[in-house]
């Protein structure tokens, strides 16, 4: 669905029933998608964080994080993605 809709941000759980989050991230990249990806998961650990970053995740949040932190991460990622699409990357 993400390939067809071309969203600004994709929020992924690593523990999905048919396709885990790592597989979904890899498929997105293999198909040329440059979508901003945020991982939200209940299973944390340095190896999982590293792998998610290697596959292009811009944020890795555990489900114990506050909803406000999740909303802030999605808003920031979406704003950055829109700016790049419009050819106006924001100053960091």
PDB file of N, CA and C in Angstrom:
ATOM      1  N   UNK A   1       0.819  -1.178   0.000  1.00  0.00           N
ATOM      2  CA  UNK A   1       0.000   0.000   0.000  1.00  0.00           C
ATOM      3  C   UNK A   1       0.876   1.259   0.000  1.00  0.00           C
ATOM      4  N   UNK A   2       1.977   1.227   0.738  1.00  0.00           N
ATOM      5  CA  UNK A   2       2.852   2.399   0.799  1.00  0.00           C
ATOM      6  C   UNK A   2       3.449   2.710  -0.568  1.00  0.00           C
ATOM      7  N   UNK A   3       3.747   1.688  -1.346  1.00  0.00           N
ATOM      8  CA  UNK A   3       4.291   1.931  -2.679  1.00  0.00           C
ATOM      9  C   UNK A   3       3.250   2.577  -3.584  1.00  0.00           C
ATOM     10  N   UNK A   4       2.015   2.172  -3.460  1.00  0.00           N
ATOM     11  CA  UNK A   4       0.945   2.706  -4.316  1.00  0.00           C
ATOM     12  C   UNK A   4       0.546   4.119  -3.910  1.00  0.00           C
ATOM     13  N   UNK A   5       0.521   4.410  -2.618  1.00  0.00           N
ATOM     14  CA  UNK A   5       0.035   5.703  -2.130  1.00  0.00           C
ATOM     15  C   UNK A   5       1.123   6.769  -2.040  1.00  0.00           C
ATOM     16  N   UNK A   6       2.379   6.357  -1.933  1.00  0.00           N
ATOM     17  CA  UNK A   6       3.510   7.275  -1.823  1.00  0.00           C
ATOM     18  C   UNK A   6       3.310   8.305  -0.699  1.00  0.00           C
ATOM     19  N   UNK A   7       3.143   7.838   0.543  1.00  0.00           N
ATOM     20  CA  UNK A   7       2.919   8.753   1.664  1.00  0.00           C
ATOM     21  C   UNK A   7       4.191   9.490   2.060  1.00  0.00           C
ATOM     22  N   UNK A   8       4.046  10.510   2.890  1.00  0.00           N
ATOM     23  CA  UNK A   8       5.209  11.225   3.416  1.00  0.00           C
ATOM     24  C   UNK A   8       5.937  10.394   4.465  1.00  0.00           C
ATOM     25  N   UNK A   9       5.171   9.638   5.252  1.00  0.00           N
ATOM     26  CA  UNK A   9       5.725   8.872   6.373  1.00  0.00           C
ATOM     27  C   UNK A   9       5.030   7.517   6.448  1.00  0.00           C
ATOM     28  N   UNK A  10       5.809   6.486   6.773  1.00  0.00           N
ATOM     29  CA  UNK A  10       5.255   5.166   7.044  1.00  0.00           C
ATOM     30  C   UNK A  10       5.632   4.804   8.474  1.00  0.00           C
ATOM     31  N   UNK A  11       4.622   4.459   9.267  1.00  0.00           N
ATOM     32  CA  UNK A  11       4.806   4.025  10.643  1.00  0.00           C
ATOM     33  C   UNK A  11       4.716   2.510  10.653  1.00  0.00           C
ATOM     34  N   UNK A  12       5.787   1.843  11.088  1.00  0.00           N
ATOM     35  CA  UNK A  12       5.858   0.377  11.031  1.00  0.00           C
ATOM     36  C   UNK A  12       6.049  -0.240  12.400  1.00  0.00           C
ATOM     37  N   UNK A  13       5.371  -1.337  12.625  1.00  0.00           N
ATOM     38  CA  UNK A  13       5.636  -2.171  13.792  1.00  0.00           C
ATOM     39  C   UNK A  13       6.554  -3.291  13.313  1.00  0.00           C
ATOM     40  N   UNK A  14       7.482  -3.712  14.127  1.00  0.00           N
ATOM     41  CA  UNK A  14       8.365  -4.801  13.719  1.00  0.00           C
ATOM     42  C   UNK A  14       7.664  -6.147  13.798  1.00  0.00           C
ATOM     43  N   UNK A  15       6.619  -6.245  14.605  1.00  0.00           N
ATOM     44  CA  UNK A  15       5.911  -7.507  14.810  1.00  0.00           C
ATOM     45  C   UNK A  15       4.557  -7.479  14.111  1.00  0.00           C
ATOM     46  N   UNK A  16       4.562  -7.589  12.802  1.00  0.00           N
ATOM     47  CA  UNK A  16       3.311  -7.638  12.044  1.00  0.00           C
ATOM     48  C   UNK A  16       3.040  -9.081  11.640  1.00  0.00           C
ATOM     49  N   UNK A  17       1.780  -9.454  11.432  1.00  0.00           N
ATOM     50  CA  UNK A  17       1.451 -10.874  11.208  1.00  0.00           C
ATOM     51  C   UNK A  17       1.951 -11.479   9.896  1.00  0.00           C
ATOM     52  N   UNK A  18       1.810 -10.803   8.789  1.00  0.00           N
ATOM     53  CA  UNK A  18       2.171 -11.420   7.509  1.00  0.00           C
ATOM     54  C   UNK A  18       3.581 -11.074   7.043  1.00  0.00           C
ATOM     55  N   UNK A  19       4.023  -9.914   7.391  1.00  0.00           N
ATOM     56  CA  UNK A  19       5.316  -9.402   6.932  1.00  0.00           C
ATOM     57  C   UNK A  19       5.882  -8.579   8.079  1.00  0.00           C
ATOM     58  N   UNK A  20       7.057  -8.941   8.591  1.00  0.00           N
ATOM     59  CA  UNK A  20       7.550  -8.146   9.712  1.00  0.00           C
ATOM     60  C   UNK A  20       8.050  -6.789   9.223  1.00  0.00           C
ATOM     61  N   UNK A  21       8.226  -5.880  10.145  1.00  0.00           N
ATOM     62  CA  UNK A  21       8.612  -4.513   9.800  1.00  0.00           C
ATOM     63  C   UNK A  21       9.927  -4.428   9.040  1.00  0.00           C
ATOM     64  N   UNK A  22      10.890  -5.268   9.395  1.00  0.00           N
ATOM     65  CA  UNK A  22      12.171  -5.263   8.683  1.00  0.00           C
ATOM     66  C   UNK A  22      11.981  -5.656   7.226  1.00  0.00           C
ATOM     67  N   UNK A  23      11.157  -6.669   6.989  1.00  0.00           N
ATOM     68  CA  UNK A  23      10.889  -7.096   5.610  1.00  0.00           C
ATOM     69  C   UNK A  23      10.174  -5.998   4.830  1.00  0.00           C
ATOM     70  N   UNK A  24       9.232  -5.338   5.486  1.00  0.00           N
ATOM     71  CA  UNK A  24       8.507  -4.249   4.823  1.00  0.00           C
ATOM     72  C   UNK A  24       9.459  -3.106   4.471  1.00  0.00           C
ATOM     73  N   UNK A  25      10.354  -2.759   5.390  1.00  0.00           N
ATOM     74  CA  UNK A  25      11.322  -1.692   5.136  1.00  0.00           C
ATOM     75  C   UNK A  25      12.215  -2.062   3.953  1.00  0.00           C
ATOM     76  N   UNK A  26      12.687  -3.290   3.950  1.00  0.00           N
ATOM     77  CA  UNK A  26      13.563  -3.737   2.875  1.00  0.00           C
ATOM     78  C   UNK A  26      12.845  -3.712   1.526  1.00  0.00           C
ATOM     79  N   UNK A  27      11.595  -4.162   1.488  1.00  0.00           N
ATOM     80  CA  UNK A  27      10.825  -4.140   0.246  1.00  0.00           C
ATOM     81  C   UNK A  27      10.609  -2.709  -0.260  1.00  0.00           C
ATOM     82  N   UNK A  28      10.328  -1.798   0.648  1.00  0.00           N
ATOM     83  CA  UNK A  28      10.160  -0.402   0.242  1.00  0.00           C
ATOM     84  C   UNK A  28      11.423   0.120  -0.428  1.00  0.00           C
ATOM     85  N   UNK A  29      12.560  -0.147   0.186  1.00  0.00           N
ATOM     86  CA  UNK A  29      13.832   0.342  -0.373  1.00  0.00           C
ATOM     87  C   UNK A  29      14.157  -0.357  -1.690  1.00  0.00           C
ATOM     88  N   UNK A  30      13.903  -1.665  -1.772  1.00  0.00           N
ATOM     89  CA  UNK A  30      14.185  -2.405  -3.008  1.00  0.00           C
ATOM     90  C   UNK A  30      13.357  -1.891  -4.177  1.00  0.00           C
ATOM     91  N   UNK A  31      12.184  -1.348  -3.894  1.00  0.00           N
ATOM     92  CA  UNK A  31      11.320  -0.812  -4.940  1.00  0.00           C
ATOM     93  C   UNK A  31      11.541   0.684  -5.166  1.00  0.00           C
ATOM     94  N   UNK A  32      12.617   1.206  -4.603  1.00  0.00           N
ATOM     95  CA  UNK A  32      13.002   2.583  -4.860  1.00  0.00           C
ATOM     96  C   UNK A  32      12.303   3.631  -4.025  1.00  0.00           C
ATOM     97  N   UNK A  33      11.521   3.221  -3.054  1.00  0.00           N
ATOM     98  CA  UNK A  33      10.828   4.187  -2.212  1.00  0.00           C
ATOM     99  C   UNK A  33      11.823   4.897  -1.294  1.00  0.00           C
ATOM    100  N   UNK A  34      11.663   6.189  -1.194  1.00  0.00           N
ATOM    101  CA  UNK A  34      12.485   6.978  -0.280  1.00  0.00           C
ATOM    102  C   UNK A  34      11.642   7.528   0.866  1.00  0.00           C
ATOM    103  N   UNK A  35      10.498   6.888   1.110  1.00  0.00           N
ATOM    104  CA  UNK A  35       9.585   7.326   2.156  1.00  0.00           C
ATOM    105  C   UNK A  35      10.303   7.341   3.505  1.00  0.00           C
ATOM    106  N   UNK A  36       9.926   8.304   4.336  1.00  0.00           N
ATOM    107  CA  UNK A  36      10.451   8.380   5.693  1.00  0.00           C
ATOM    108  C   UNK A  36       9.766   7.305   6.524  1.00  0.00           C
ATOM    109  N   UNK A  37      10.555   6.490   7.218  1.00  0.00           N
ATOM    110  CA  UNK A  37      10.008   5.385   8.006  1.00  0.00           C
ATOM    111  C   UNK A  37      10.287   5.597   9.489  1.00  0.00           C
ATOM    112  N   UNK A  38       9.260   5.360  10.293  1.00  0.00           N
ATOM    113  CA  UNK A  38       9.372   5.410  11.739  1.00  0.00           C
ATOM    114  C   UNK A  38       8.956   4.042  12.266  1.00  0.00           C
ATOM    115  N   UNK A  39       9.782   3.480  13.137  1.00  0.00           N
ATOM    116  CA  UNK A  39       9.488   2.181  13.735  1.00  0.00           C
ATOM    117  C   UNK A  39       8.879   2.413  15.110  1.00  0.00           C
ATOM    118  N   UNK A  40       7.748   1.772  15.354  1.00  0.00           N
ATOM    119  CA  UNK A  40       7.082   1.771  16.656  1.00  0.00           C
ATOM    120  C   UNK A  40       6.918   0.311  17.030  1.00  0.00           C
ATOM    121  N   UNK A  41       7.555  -0.104  18.117  1.00  0.00           N
ATOM    122  CA  UNK A  41       7.552  -1.528  18.439  1.00  0.00           C
ATOM    123  C   UNK A  41       7.572  -1.769  19.936  1.00  0.00           C
ATOM    124  N   UNK A  42       7.134  -2.938  20.309  1.00  0.00           N
ATOM    125  CA  UNK A  42       7.185  -3.345  21.703  1.00  0.00           C
ATOM    126  C   UNK A  42       8.466  -4.088  22.027  1.00  0.00           C
ATOM    127  N   UNK A  43       9.243  -4.424  21.019  1.00  0.00           N
ATOM    128  CA  UNK A  43      10.479  -5.189  21.222  1.00  0.00           C
ATOM    129  C   UNK A  43      11.679  -4.315  20.905  1.00  0.00           C
ATOM    130  N   UNK A  44      12.396  -3.957  21.944  1.00  0.00           N
ATOM    131  CA  UNK A  44      13.528  -3.047  21.819  1.00  0.00           C
ATOM    132  C   UNK A  44      14.833  -3.832  21.930  1.00  0.00           C
ATOM    133  N   UNK A  45      15.904  -3.216  21.559  1.00  0.00           N
ATOM    134  CA  UNK A  45      17.227  -3.805  21.697  1.00  0.00           C
ATOM    135  C   UNK A  45      18.181  -3.165  20.716  1.00  0.00           C
ATOM    136  N   UNK A  46      19.468  -3.108  21.056  1.00  0.00           N
ATOM    137  CA  UNK A  46      20.435  -2.429  20.194  1.00  0.00           C
ATOM    138  C   UNK A  46      20.543  -3.034  18.799  1.00  0.00           C
ATOM    139  N   UNK A  47      20.426  -4.347  18.677  1.00  0.00           N
ATOM    140  CA  UNK A  47      20.514  -4.972  17.348  1.00  0.00           C
ATOM    141  C   UNK A  47      19.323  -4.585  16.481  1.00  0.00           C
ATOM    142  N   UNK A  48      18.150  -4.530  17.083  1.00  0.00           N
ATOM    143  CA  UNK A  48      16.954  -4.146  16.343  1.00  0.00           C
ATOM    144  C   UNK A  48      17.025  -2.678  15.925  1.00  0.00           C
ATOM    145  N   UNK A  49      17.485  -1.842  16.828  1.00  0.00           N
ATOM    146  CA  UNK A  49      17.628  -0.414  16.510  1.00  0.00           C
ATOM    147  C   UNK A  49      18.627  -0.214  15.364  1.00  0.00           C
ATOM    148  N   UNK A  50      19.759  -0.900  15.453  1.00  0.00           N
ATOM    149  CA  UNK A  50      20.794  -0.774  14.420  1.00  0.00           C
ATOM    150  C   UNK A  50      20.262  -1.229  13.065  1.00  0.00           C
ATOM    151  N   UNK A  51      19.592  -2.366  13.053  1.00  0.00           N
ATOM    152  CA  UNK A  51      19.062  -2.885  11.787  1.00  0.00           C
ATOM    153  C   UNK A  51      18.015  -1.938  11.204  1.00  0.00           C
ATOM    154  N   UNK A  52      17.165  -1.403  12.051  1.00  0.00           N
ATOM    155  CA  UNK A  52      16.151  -0.458  11.572  1.00  0.00           C
ATOM    156  C   UNK A  52      16.817   0.779  10.972  1.00  0.00           C
ATOM    157  N   UNK A  53      17.836   1.294  11.616  1.00  0.00           N
ATOM    158  CA  UNK A  53      18.566   2.460  11.082  1.00  0.00           C
ATOM    159  C   UNK A  53      19.237   2.117   9.753  1.00  0.00           C
ATOM    160  N   UNK A  54      19.827   0.926   9.665  1.00  0.00           N
ATOM    161  CA  UNK A  54      20.473   0.505   8.419  1.00  0.00           C
ATOM    162  C   UNK A  54      19.480   0.432   7.267  1.00  0.00           C
ATOM    163  N   UNK A  55      18.229   0.096   7.573  1.00  0.00           N
ATOM    164  CA  UNK A  55      17.191   0.003   6.549  1.00  0.00           C
ATOM    165  C   UNK A  55      16.513   1.350   6.291  1.00  0.00           C
ATOM    166  N   UNK A  56      16.938   2.378   7.014  1.00  0.00           N
ATOM    167  CA  UNK A  56      16.453   3.716   6.726  1.00  0.00           C
ATOM    168  C   UNK A  56      15.467   4.317   7.697  1.00  0.00           C
ATOM    169  N   UNK A  57      15.237   3.685   8.829  1.00  0.00           N
ATOM    170  CA  UNK A  57      14.313   4.267   9.809  1.00  0.00           C
ATOM    171  C   UNK A  57      14.890   5.571  10.351  1.00  0.00           C
ATOM    172  N   UNK A  58      14.060   6.589  10.407  1.00  0.00           N
ATOM    173  CA  UNK A  58      14.476   7.887  10.933  1.00  0.00           C
ATOM    174  C   UNK A  58      14.248   7.988  12.429  1.00  0.00           C
ATOM    175  N   UNK A  59      13.361   7.147  12.961  1.00  0.00           N
ATOM    176  CA  UNK A  59      13.108   7.119  14.401  1.00  0.00           C
ATOM    177  C   UNK A  59      12.740   5.701  14.799  1.00  0.00           C
ATOM    178  N   UNK A  60      13.074   5.349  16.017  1.00  0.00           N
ATOM    179  CA  UNK A  60      12.775   4.038  16.575  1.00  0.00           C
ATOM    180  C   UNK A  60      12.175   4.286  17.943  1.00  0.00           C
ATOM    181  N   UNK A  61      10.873   4.072  18.066  1.00  0.00           N
ATOM    182  CA  UNK A  61      10.167   4.330  19.315  1.00  0.00           C
ATOM    183  C   UNK A  61       9.600   3.037  19.865  1.00  0.00           C
ATOM    184  N   UNK A  62       9.661   2.882  21.184  1.00  0.00           N
ATOM    185  CA  UNK A  62       9.030   1.728  21.800  1.00  0.00           C
ATOM    186  C   UNK A  62       7.597   2.098  22.163  1.00  0.00           C
ATOM    187  N   UNK A  63       6.760   1.097  22.274  1.00  0.00           N
ATOM    188  CA  UNK A  63       5.348   1.347  22.555  1.00  0.00           C
ATOM    189  C   UNK A  63       5.121   1.936  23.938  1.00  0.00           C
ATOM    190  N   UNK A  64       6.145   1.991  24.747  1.00  0.00           N
ATOM    191  CA  UNK A  64       6.003   2.621  26.056  1.00  0.00           C
ATOM    192  C   UNK A  64       6.184   4.138  25.969  1.00  0.00           C
ATOM    193  N   UNK A  65       6.588   4.652  24.807  1.00  0.00           N
ATOM    194  CA  UNK A  65       6.731   6.090  24.632  1.00  0.00           C
ATOM    195  C   UNK A  65       5.366   6.746  24.688  1.00  0.00           C
ATOM    196  N   UNK A  66       5.369   8.013  24.999  1.00  0.00           N
ATOM    197  CA  UNK A  66       4.092   8.728  25.081  1.00  0.00           C
ATOM    198  C   UNK A  66       3.531   8.957  23.681  1.00  0.00           C
ATOM    199  N   UNK A  67       2.229   9.107  23.625  1.00  0.00           N
ATOM    200  CA  UNK A  67       1.571   9.400  22.346  1.00  0.00           C
ATOM    201  C   UNK A  67       2.049  10.746  21.814  1.00  0.00           C
ATOM    202  N   UNK A  68       2.368  11.669  22.709  1.00  0.00           N
ATOM    203  CA  UNK A  68       2.865  12.977  22.276  1.00  0.00           C
ATOM    204  C   UNK A  68       4.200  12.850  21.547  1.00  0.00           C
ATOM    205  N   UNK A  69       5.070  11.970  22.028  1.00  0.00           N
ATOM    206  CA  UNK A  69       6.358  11.761  21.364  1.00  0.00           C
ATOM    207  C   UNK A  69       6.152  11.142  19.980  1.00  0.00           C
ATOM    208  N   UNK A  70       5.225  10.216  19.883  1.00  0.00           N
ATOM    209  CA  UNK A  70       4.913   9.612  18.594  1.00  0.00           C
ATOM    210  C   UNK A  70       4.375  10.663  17.624  1.00  0.00           C
ATOM    211  N   UNK A  71       3.433  11.457  18.066  1.00  0.00           N
ATOM    212  CA  UNK A  71       2.861  12.501  17.214  1.00  0.00           C
ATOM    213  C   UNK A  71       3.926  13.494  16.788  1.00  0.00           C
ATOM    214  N   UNK A  72       4.787  13.902  17.707  1.00  0.00           N
ATOM    215  CA  UNK A  72       5.872  14.834  17.362  1.00  0.00           C
ATOM    216  C   UNK A  72       6.805  14.230  16.315  1.00  0.00           C
ATOM    217  N   UNK A  73       7.133  12.952  16.455  1.00  0.00           N
ATOM    218  CA  UNK A  73       8.028  12.297  15.495  1.00  0.00           C
ATOM    219  C   UNK A  73       7.396  12.219  14.114  1.00  0.00           C
ATOM    220  N   UNK A  74       6.121  11.874  14.056  1.00  0.00           N
ATOM    221  CA  UNK A  74       5.436  11.770  12.768  1.00  0.00           C
ATOM    222  C   UNK A  74       5.322  13.147  12.123  1.00  0.00           C
ATOM    223  N   UNK A  75       4.960  14.157  12.895  1.00  0.00           N
ATOM    224  CA  UNK A  75       4.842  15.513  12.334  1.00  0.00           C
ATOM    225  C   UNK A  75       6.179  16.015  11.790  1.00  0.00           C
ATOM    226  N   UNK A  76       7.249  15.814  12.555  1.00  0.00           N
ATOM    227  CA  UNK A  76       8.570  16.272  12.113  1.00  0.00           C
ATOM    228  C   UNK A  76       9.010  15.535  10.853  1.00  0.00           C
ATOM    229  N   UNK A  77       8.791  14.236  10.825  1.00  0.00           N
ATOM    230  CA  UNK A  77       9.187  13.446   9.652  1.00  0.00           C
ATOM    231  C   UNK A  77       8.378  13.852   8.426  1.00  0.00           C
ATOM    232  N   UNK A  78       7.090  14.089   8.603  1.00  0.00           N
ATOM    233  CA  UNK A  78       6.234  14.484   7.479  1.00  0.00           C
ATOM    234  C   UNK A  78       6.636  15.864   6.956  1.00  0.00           C
ATOM    235  N   UNK A  79       6.934  16.786   7.833  1.00  0.00           N
ATOM    236  CA  UNK A  79       7.353  18.125   7.404  1.00  0.00           C
ATOM    237  C   UNK A  79       8.663  18.059   6.634  1.00  0.00           C
ATOM    238  N   UNK A  80       9.588  17.268   7.106  1.00  0.00           N
ATOM    239  CA  UNK A  80      10.867  17.118   6.423  1.00  0.00           C
ATOM    240  C   UNK A  80      10.672  16.477   5.051  1.00  0.00           C
ATOM    241  N   UNK A  81       9.853  15.441   4.985  1.00  0.00           N
ATOM    242  CA  UNK A  81       9.600  14.771   3.704  1.00  0.00           C
ATOM    243  C   UNK A  81       8.950  15.722   2.704  1.00  0.00           C
ATOM    244  N   UNK A  82       7.976  16.498   3.146  1.00  0.00           N
ATOM    245  CA  UNK A  82       7.313  17.455   2.252  1.00  0.00           C
ATOM    246  C   UNK A  82       8.299  18.519   1.758  1.00  0.00           C
ATOM    247  N   UNK A  83       9.161  18.995   2.647  1.00  0.00           N
ATOM    248  CA  UNK A  83      10.135  20.015   2.254  1.00  0.00           C
ATOM    249  C   UNK A  83      11.074  19.479   1.180  1.00  0.00           C
ATOM    250  N   UNK A  84      11.529  18.266   1.336  1.00  0.00           N
ATOM    251  CA  UNK A  84      12.418  17.680   0.337  1.00  0.00           C
ATOM    252  C   UNK A  84      11.698  17.469  -0.988  1.00  0.00           C
ATOM    253  N   UNK A  85      10.455  17.027  -0.925  1.00  0.00           N
ATOM    254  CA  UNK A  85       9.682  16.831  -2.155  1.00  0.00           C
ATOM    255  C   UNK A  85       9.486  18.151  -2.904  1.00  0.00           C
ATOM    256  N   UNK A  86       9.366  19.226  -2.164  1.00  0.00           N
ATOM    257  CA  UNK A  86       9.156  20.537  -2.777  1.00  0.00           C
ATOM    258  C   UNK A  86      10.474  21.194  -3.162  1.00  0.00           C
ATOM    259  N   UNK A  87      11.578  20.481  -2.939  1.00  0.00           N
ATOM    260  CA  UNK A  87      12.895  20.999  -3.301  1.00  0.00           C
ATOM    261  C   UNK A  87      13.409  22.095  -2.382  1.00  0.00           C
ATOM    262  N   UNK A  88      12.887  22.111  -1.172  1.00  0.00           N
ATOM    263  CA  UNK A  88      13.289  23.121  -0.203  1.00  0.00           C
ATOM    264  C   UNK A  88      13.652  22.461   1.117  1.00  0.00           C
ATOM    265  N   UNK A  89      14.769  21.732   1.161  1.00  0.00           N
ATOM    266  CA  UNK A  89      15.126  21.072   2.415  1.00  0.00           C
ATOM    267  C   UNK A  89      15.355  22.118   3.509  1.00  0.00           C
ATOM    268  N   UNK A  90      14.782  21.880   4.683  1.00  0.00           N
ATOM    269  CA  UNK A  90      14.941  22.848   5.771  1.00  0.00           C
ATOM    270  C   UNK A  90      16.369  22.843   6.298  1.00  0.00           C
ATOM    271  N   UNK A  91      16.747  23.939   6.898  1.00  0.00           N
ATOM    272  CA  UNK A  91      18.068  24.006   7.515  1.00  0.00           C
ATOM    273  C   UNK A  91      18.023  23.222   8.807  1.00  0.00           C
ATOM    274  N   UNK A  92      19.050  22.408   9.033  1.00  0.00           N
ATOM    275  CA  UNK A  92      19.105  21.608  10.265  1.00  0.00           C
ATOM    276  C   UNK A  92      20.082  22.186  11.227  1.00  0.00           C
TER     277      UNK A  92
END
